[in-house]
PDB file of N, CA and C in Angstrom:
ATOM      1  N   UNK A   1      -1.987 -12.026 -29.647  1.00  0.00           N
ATOM      2  CA  UNK A   1      -1.854 -10.736 -29.012  1.00  0.00           C
ATOM      3  C   UNK A   1      -0.751 -10.826 -27.958  1.00  0.00           C
ATOM      4  N   UNK A   2       0.138  -9.876 -27.947  1.00  0.00           N
ATOM      5  CA  UNK A   2       1.240  -9.863 -26.993  1.00  0.00           C
ATOM      6  C   UNK A   2       0.978  -8.850 -25.889  1.00  0.00           C
ATOM      7  N   UNK A   3       1.633  -9.066 -24.757  1.00  0.00           N
ATOM      8  CA  UNK A   3       1.552  -8.123 -23.640  1.00  0.00           C
ATOM      9  C   UNK A   3       2.887  -7.409 -23.523  1.00  0.00           C
ATOM     10  N   UNK A   4       2.828  -6.110 -23.249  1.00  0.00           N
ATOM     11  CA  UNK A   4       4.034  -5.297 -23.197  1.00  0.00           C
ATOM     12  C   UNK A   4       4.136  -4.543 -21.880  1.00  0.00           C
ATOM     13  N   UNK A   5       5.364  -4.361 -21.422  1.00  0.00           N
ATOM     14  CA  UNK A   5       5.673  -3.504 -20.283  1.00  0.00           C
ATOM     15  C   UNK A   5       6.735  -2.535 -20.777  1.00  0.00           C
ATOM     16  N   UNK A   6       6.408  -1.251 -20.777  1.00  0.00           N
ATOM     17  CA  UNK A   6       7.337  -0.228 -21.295  1.00  0.00           C
ATOM     18  C   UNK A   6       7.879  -0.604 -22.653  1.00  0.00           C
ATOM     19  N   UNK A   7       7.019  -0.981 -23.544  1.00  0.00           N
ATOM     20  CA  UNK A   7       7.323  -1.354 -24.937  1.00  0.00           C
ATOM     21  C   UNK A   7       8.169  -2.615 -25.077  1.00  0.00           C
ATOM     22  N   UNK A   8       8.330  -3.378 -24.004  1.00  0.00           N
ATOM     23  CA  UNK A   8       9.057  -4.647 -24.060  1.00  0.00           C
ATOM     24  C   UNK A   8       8.044  -5.796 -24.048  1.00  0.00           C
ATOM     25  N   UNK A   9       8.137  -6.653 -25.024  1.00  0.00           N
ATOM     26  CA  UNK A   9       7.268  -7.822 -25.086  1.00  0.00           C
ATOM     27  C   UNK A   9       7.640  -8.750 -23.938  1.00  0.00           C
ATOM     28  N   UNK A  10       6.685  -9.046 -23.048  1.00  0.00           N
ATOM     29  CA  UNK A  10       7.016  -9.869 -21.881  1.00  0.00           C
ATOM     30  C   UNK A  10       7.336 -11.310 -22.254  1.00  0.00           C
ATOM     31  N   UNK A  11       7.034 -11.696 -23.474  1.00  0.00           N
ATOM     32  CA  UNK A  11       7.399 -13.047 -23.924  1.00  0.00           C
ATOM     33  C   UNK A  11       8.918 -13.204 -23.951  1.00  0.00           C
ATOM     34  N   UNK A  12       9.651 -12.098 -24.067  1.00  0.00           N
ATOM     35  CA  UNK A  12      11.105 -12.148 -24.116  1.00  0.00           C
ATOM     36  C   UNK A  12      11.769 -11.921 -22.773  1.00  0.00           C
ATOM     37  N   UNK A  13      10.972 -11.859 -21.707  1.00  0.00           N
ATOM     38  CA  UNK A  13      11.521 -11.629 -20.370  1.00  0.00           C
ATOM     39  C   UNK A  13      11.399 -12.922 -19.568  1.00  0.00           C
ATOM     40  N   UNK A  14      12.478 -13.304 -18.881  1.00  0.00           N
ATOM     41  CA  UNK A  14      12.405 -14.518 -18.057  1.00  0.00           C
ATOM     42  C   UNK A  14      11.475 -14.254 -16.873  1.00  0.00           C
ATOM     43  N   UNK A  15      10.920 -15.319 -16.319  1.00  0.00           N
ATOM     44  CA  UNK A  15       9.897 -15.177 -15.272  1.00  0.00           C
ATOM     45  C   UNK A  15      10.409 -14.519 -14.001  1.00  0.00           C
ATOM     46  N   UNK A  16      11.618 -14.834 -13.569  1.00  0.00           N
ATOM     47  CA  UNK A  16      12.096 -14.311 -12.287  1.00  0.00           C
ATOM     48  C   UNK A  16      12.083 -12.785 -12.233  1.00  0.00           C
ATOM     49  N   UNK A  17      12.717 -12.070 -13.175  1.00  0.00           N
ATOM     50  CA  UNK A  17      12.653 -10.606 -13.100  1.00  0.00           C
ATOM     51  C   UNK A  17      11.250 -10.060 -13.364  1.00  0.00           C
ATOM     52  N   UNK A  18      10.476 -10.773 -14.146  1.00  0.00           N
ATOM     53  CA  UNK A  18       9.109 -10.330 -14.412  1.00  0.00           C
ATOM     54  C   UNK A  18       8.290 -10.340 -13.124  1.00  0.00           C
ATOM     55  N   UNK A  19       8.298 -11.466 -12.410  1.00  0.00           N
ATOM     56  CA  UNK A  19       7.523 -11.587 -11.175  1.00  0.00           C
ATOM     57  C   UNK A  19       8.071 -10.691 -10.076  1.00  0.00           C
ATOM     58  N   UNK A  20       9.370 -10.431 -10.086  1.00  0.00           N
ATOM     59  CA  UNK A  20       9.970  -9.561  -9.071  1.00  0.00           C
ATOM     60  C   UNK A  20       9.509  -8.117  -9.217  1.00  0.00           C
ATOM     61  N   UNK A  21       8.999  -7.774 -10.392  1.00  0.00           N
ATOM     62  CA  UNK A  21       8.606  -6.391 -10.647  1.00  0.00           C
ATOM     63  C   UNK A  21       7.107  -6.201 -10.859  1.00  0.00           C
ATOM     64  N   UNK A  22       6.319  -7.195 -10.523  1.00  0.00           N
ATOM     65  CA  UNK A  22       4.869  -7.100 -10.661  1.00  0.00           C
ATOM     66  C   UNK A  22       4.214  -6.968  -9.294  1.00  0.00           C
ATOM     67  N   UNK A  23       3.115  -6.258  -9.259  1.00  0.00           N
ATOM     68  CA  UNK A  23       2.320  -6.122  -8.040  1.00  0.00           C
ATOM     69  C   UNK A  23       0.863  -6.351  -8.382  1.00  0.00           C
ATOM     70  N   UNK A  24       0.112  -6.777  -7.390  1.00  0.00           N
ATOM     71  CA  UNK A  24      -1.325  -6.959  -7.555  1.00  0.00           C
ATOM     72  C   UNK A  24      -2.020  -6.003  -6.604  1.00  0.00           C
ATOM     73  N   UNK A  25      -2.971  -5.273  -7.130  1.00  0.00           N
ATOM     74  CA  UNK A  25      -3.762  -4.374  -6.302  1.00  0.00           C
ATOM     75  C   UNK A  25      -5.198  -4.878  -6.364  1.00  0.00           C
ATOM     76  N   UNK A  26      -5.661  -5.520  -5.289  1.00  0.00           N
ATOM     77  CA  UNK A  26      -7.008  -6.082  -5.307  1.00  0.00           C
ATOM     78  C   UNK A  26      -8.070  -4.990  -5.396  1.00  0.00           C
ATOM     79  N   UNK A  27      -9.166  -5.302  -6.044  1.00  0.00           N
ATOM     80  CA  UNK A  27     -10.259  -4.354  -6.189  1.00  0.00           C
ATOM     81  C   UNK A  27     -11.153  -4.322  -4.954  1.00  0.00           C
ATOM     82  N   UNK A  28     -11.119  -5.378  -4.155  1.00  0.00           N
ATOM     83  CA  UNK A  28     -11.928  -5.471  -2.950  1.00  0.00           C
ATOM     84  C   UNK A  28     -11.099  -4.965  -1.776  1.00  0.00           C
ATOM     85  N   UNK A  29     -11.450  -3.823  -1.233  1.00  0.00           N
ATOM     86  CA  UNK A  29     -10.673  -3.210  -0.161  1.00  0.00           C
ATOM     87  C   UNK A  29     -10.992  -3.894   1.167  1.00  0.00           C
ATOM     88  N   UNK A  30      -9.960  -4.234   1.922  1.00  0.00           N
ATOM     89  CA  UNK A  30     -10.145  -4.895   3.202  1.00  0.00           C
ATOM     90  C   UNK A  30      -9.872  -3.965   4.371  1.00  0.00           C
ATOM     91  N   UNK A  31     -10.730  -2.971   4.553  1.00  0.00           N
ATOM     92  CA  UNK A  31     -10.573  -2.029   5.661  1.00  0.00           C
ATOM     93  C   UNK A  31     -11.665  -2.323   6.681  1.00  0.00           C
ATOM     94  N   UNK A  32     -11.262  -2.342   7.936  1.00  0.00           N
ATOM     95  CA  UNK A  32     -12.216  -2.610   9.005  1.00  0.00           C
ATOM     96  C   UNK A  32     -12.780  -1.314   9.553  1.00  0.00           C
ATOM     97  N   UNK A  33     -13.919  -1.386  10.185  1.00  0.00           N
ATOM     98  CA  UNK A  33     -14.590  -0.227  10.757  1.00  0.00           C
ATOM     99  C   UNK A  33     -13.867   0.191  12.034  1.00  0.00           C
ATOM    100  N   UNK A  34     -12.666   0.682  11.840  1.00  0.00           N
ATOM    101  CA  UNK A  34     -11.813   1.108  12.952  1.00  0.00           C
ATOM    102  C   UNK A  34     -11.087   2.378  12.527  1.00  0.00           C
ATOM    103  N   UNK A  35     -10.183   2.858  13.358  1.00  0.00           N
ATOM    104  CA  UNK A  35      -9.425   4.057  12.999  1.00  0.00           C
ATOM    105  C   UNK A  35      -8.374   3.711  11.941  1.00  0.00           C
ATOM    106  N   UNK A  36      -7.882   4.762  11.305  1.00  0.00           N
ATOM    107  CA  UNK A  36      -6.793   4.587  10.337  1.00  0.00           C
ATOM    108  C   UNK A  36      -5.632   3.882  11.030  1.00  0.00           C
ATOM    109  N   UNK A  37      -5.286   4.341  12.223  1.00  0.00           N
ATOM    110  CA  UNK A  37      -4.173   3.767  12.977  1.00  0.00           C
ATOM    111  C   UNK A  37      -4.385   2.281  13.253  1.00  0.00           C
ATOM    112  N   UNK A  38      -5.576   1.910  13.710  1.00  0.00           N
ATOM    113  CA  UNK A  38      -5.854   0.502  14.011  1.00  0.00           C
ATOM    114  C   UNK A  38      -5.786  -0.361  12.754  1.00  0.00           C
ATOM    115  N   UNK A  39      -6.262   0.157  11.626  1.00  0.00           N
ATOM    116  CA  UNK A  39      -6.173  -0.587  10.373  1.00  0.00           C
ATOM    117  C   UNK A  39      -4.722  -0.783   9.967  1.00  0.00           C
ATOM    118  N   UNK A  40      -3.904   0.247  10.141  1.00  0.00           N
ATOM    119  CA  UNK A  40      -2.493   0.130   9.778  1.00  0.00           C
ATOM    120  C   UNK A  40      -1.745  -0.812  10.719  1.00  0.00           C
ATOM    121  N   UNK A  41      -2.142  -0.869  11.977  1.00  0.00           N
ATOM    122  CA  UNK A  41      -1.493  -1.762  12.935  1.00  0.00           C
ATOM    123  C   UNK A  41      -1.767  -3.231  12.632  1.00  0.00           C
ATOM    124  N   UNK A  42      -2.741  -3.521  11.785  1.00  0.00           N
ATOM    125  CA  UNK A  42      -3.000  -4.911  11.402  1.00  0.00           C
ATOM    126  C   UNK A  42      -1.808  -5.500  10.664  1.00  0.00           C
ATOM    127  N   UNK A  43      -1.066  -4.652   9.969  1.00  0.00           N
ATOM    128  CA  UNK A  43       0.107  -5.127   9.230  1.00  0.00           C
ATOM    129  C   UNK A  43       1.251  -5.473  10.179  1.00  0.00           C
ATOM    130  N   UNK A  44       1.367  -4.726  11.279  1.00  0.00           N
ATOM    131  CA  UNK A  44       2.415  -4.980  12.274  1.00  0.00           C
ATOM    132  C   UNK A  44       1.867  -4.496  13.618  1.00  0.00           C
ATOM    133  N   UNK A  45       1.299  -5.427  14.361  1.00  0.00           N
ATOM    134  CA  UNK A  45       0.560  -5.071  15.577  1.00  0.00           C
ATOM    135  C   UNK A  45       1.403  -4.343  16.615  1.00  0.00           C
ATOM    136  N   UNK A  46       2.715  -4.584  16.626  1.00  0.00           N
ATOM    137  CA  UNK A  46       3.563  -3.964  17.639  1.00  0.00           C
ATOM    138  C   UNK A  46       4.293  -2.720  17.121  1.00  0.00           C
ATOM    139  N   UNK A  47       3.870  -2.207  15.973  1.00  0.00           N
ATOM    140  CA  UNK A  47       4.506  -1.011  15.407  1.00  0.00           C
ATOM    141  C   UNK A  47       4.201   0.207  16.274  1.00  0.00           C
ATOM    142  N   UNK A  48       5.221   1.006  16.496  1.00  0.00           N
ATOM    143  CA  UNK A  48       5.007   2.244  17.241  1.00  0.00           C
ATOM    144  C   UNK A  48       4.319   3.259  16.332  1.00  0.00           C
ATOM    145  N   UNK A  49       3.771   4.287  16.945  1.00  0.00           N
ATOM    146  CA  UNK A  49       3.120   5.338  16.157  1.00  0.00           C
ATOM    147  C   UNK A  49       4.128   5.956  15.190  1.00  0.00           C
ATOM    148  N   UNK A  50       5.349   6.187  15.662  1.00  0.00           N
ATOM    149  CA  UNK A  50       6.384   6.780  14.801  1.00  0.00           C
ATOM    150  C   UNK A  50       6.704   5.886  13.611  1.00  0.00           C
ATOM    151  N   UNK A  51       6.732   4.568  13.817  1.00  0.00           N
ATOM    152  CA  UNK A  51       6.979   3.645  12.708  1.00  0.00           C
ATOM    153  C   UNK A  51       5.848   3.718  11.675  1.00  0.00           C
ATOM    154  N   UNK A  52       4.635   3.820  12.159  1.00  0.00           N
ATOM    155  CA  UNK A  52       3.485   3.902  11.252  1.00  0.00           C
ATOM    156  C   UNK A  52       3.526   5.205  10.466  1.00  0.00           C
ATOM    157  N   UNK A  53       3.826   6.300  11.138  1.00  0.00           N
ATOM    158  CA  UNK A  53       3.930   7.592  10.443  1.00  0.00           C
ATOM    159  C   UNK A  53       5.032   7.525   9.390  1.00  0.00           C
ATOM    160  N   UNK A  54       6.176   6.948   9.746  1.00  0.00           N
ATOM    161  CA  UNK A  54       7.287   6.827   8.791  1.00  0.00           C
ATOM    162  C   UNK A  54       6.867   6.005   7.563  1.00  0.00           C
ATOM    163  N   UNK A  55       6.167   4.898   7.803  1.00  0.00           N
ATOM    164  CA  UNK A  55       5.700   4.056   6.685  1.00  0.00           C
ATOM    165  C   UNK A  55       4.707   4.826   5.817  1.00  0.00           C
ATOM    166  N   UNK A  56       3.837   5.596   6.448  1.00  0.00           N
ATOM    167  CA  UNK A  56       2.853   6.372   5.691  1.00  0.00           C
ATOM    168  C   UNK A  56       3.524   7.493   4.903  1.00  0.00           C
ATOM    169  N   UNK A  57       4.571   8.069   5.461  1.00  0.00           N
ATOM    170  CA  UNK A  57       5.325   9.085   4.722  1.00  0.00           C
ATOM    171  C   UNK A  57       5.990   8.465   3.497  1.00  0.00           C
ATOM    172  N   UNK A  58       6.565   7.281   3.665  1.00  0.00           N
ATOM    173  CA  UNK A  58       7.195   6.592   2.536  1.00  0.00           C
ATOM    174  C   UNK A  58       6.173   6.240   1.466  1.00  0.00           C
ATOM    175  N   UNK A  59       4.960   5.890   1.901  1.00  0.00           N
ATOM    176  CA  UNK A  59       3.889   5.541   0.960  1.00  0.00           C
ATOM    177  C   UNK A  59       3.180   6.786   0.417  1.00  0.00           C
ATOM    178  N   UNK A  60       3.598   7.941   0.903  1.00  0.00           N
ATOM    179  CA  UNK A  60       3.040   9.233   0.473  1.00  0.00           C
ATOM    180  C   UNK A  60       1.548   9.369   0.761  1.00  0.00           C
ATOM    181  N   UNK A  61       1.118   8.842   1.906  1.00  0.00           N
ATOM    182  CA  UNK A  61      -0.283   9.000   2.316  1.00  0.00           C
ATOM    183  C   UNK A  61      -0.411   9.767   3.636  1.00  0.00           C
ATOM    184  N   UNK A  62       0.711  10.056   4.268  1.00  0.00           N
ATOM    185  CA  UNK A  62       0.699  10.743   5.567  1.00  0.00           C
ATOM    186  C   UNK A  62      -0.054  12.070   5.490  1.00  0.00           C
ATOM    187  N   UNK A  63       0.237  12.884   4.476  1.00  0.00           N
ATOM    188  CA  UNK A  63      -0.419  14.193   4.366  1.00  0.00           C
ATOM    189  C   UNK A  63      -1.925  14.055   4.198  1.00  0.00           C
ATOM    190  N   UNK A  64      -2.360  13.034   3.471  1.00  0.00           N
ATOM    191  CA  UNK A  64      -3.801  12.800   3.322  1.00  0.00           C
ATOM    192  C   UNK A  64      -4.421  12.429   4.662  1.00  0.00           C
ATOM    193  N   UNK A  65      -3.720  11.606   5.425  1.00  0.00           N
ATOM    194  CA  UNK A  65      -4.247  11.147   6.719  1.00  0.00           C
ATOM    195  C   UNK A  65      -4.361  12.311   7.694  1.00  0.00           C
ATOM    196  N   UNK A  66      -3.326  13.136   7.787  1.00  0.00           N
ATOM    197  CA  UNK A  66      -3.369  14.218   8.783  1.00  0.00           C
ATOM    198  C   UNK A  66      -4.366  15.307   8.401  1.00  0.00           C
ATOM    199  N   UNK A  67      -4.820  15.321   7.155  1.00  0.00           N
ATOM    200  CA  UNK A  67      -5.856  16.275   6.755  1.00  0.00           C
ATOM    201  C   UNK A  67      -7.258  15.790   7.129  1.00  0.00           C
ATOM    202  N   UNK A  68      -7.378  14.533   7.520  1.00  0.00           N
ATOM    203  CA  UNK A  68      -8.671  14.011   7.961  1.00  0.00           C
ATOM    204  C   UNK A  68      -9.014  14.654   9.311  1.00  0.00           C
ATOM    205  N   UNK A  69     -10.289  14.707   9.641  1.00  0.00           N
ATOM    206  CA  UNK A  69     -10.755  15.387  10.850  1.00  0.00           C
ATOM    207  C   UNK A  69      -9.984  14.968  12.098  1.00  0.00           C
ATOM    208  N   UNK A  70      -9.794  13.686  12.286  1.00  0.00           N
ATOM    209  CA  UNK A  70      -9.087  13.188  13.469  1.00  0.00           C
ATOM    210  C   UNK A  70      -7.766  12.522  13.125  1.00  0.00           C
ATOM    211  N   UNK A  71      -7.234  12.829  11.963  1.00  0.00           N
ATOM    212  CA  UNK A  71      -5.937  12.282  11.561  1.00  0.00           C
ATOM    213  C   UNK A  71      -5.906  10.766  11.645  1.00  0.00           C
ATOM    214  N   UNK A  72      -4.881  10.242  12.275  1.00  0.00           N
ATOM    215  CA  UNK A  72      -4.714   8.798  12.398  1.00  0.00           C
ATOM    216  C   UNK A  72      -5.802   8.160  13.269  1.00  0.00           C
ATOM    217  N   UNK A  73      -6.550   8.980  13.979  1.00  0.00           N
ATOM    218  CA  UNK A  73      -7.612   8.472  14.854  1.00  0.00           C
ATOM    219  C   UNK A  73      -8.992   8.591  14.200  1.00  0.00           C
ATOM    220  N   UNK A  74      -9.018   8.888  12.900  1.00  0.00           N
ATOM    221  CA  UNK A  74     -10.279   8.963  12.154  1.00  0.00           C
ATOM    222  C   UNK A  74     -10.799   7.562  11.875  1.00  0.00           C
ATOM    223  N   UNK A  75     -12.093   7.379  12.040  1.00  0.00           N
ATOM    224  CA  UNK A  75     -12.735   6.100  11.726  1.00  0.00           C
ATOM    225  C   UNK A  75     -12.896   6.009  10.212  1.00  0.00           C
ATOM    226  N   UNK A  76     -12.524   4.872   9.657  1.00  0.00           N
ATOM    227  CA  UNK A  76     -12.697   4.659   8.206  1.00  0.00           C
ATOM    228  C   UNK A  76     -13.684   3.540   7.962  1.00  0.00           C
TER     229      UNK A  76
END
């Protein structure tokens, strides 16, 4: 049995470009009982609020966050 990405058999792809284009999304979510903002600051503790908003906009989750009752200050 072969594995395919966009109809390309990965057996014919060298490892470097293959690994450069793969991501892993773990099934076990690691969110702490803190605010959205505090959880996001774990990635970069000294990030300004504007930097976090910009990152969330790029990740297309900003609109979801601001629709929460307390926005970035909502406990998750």
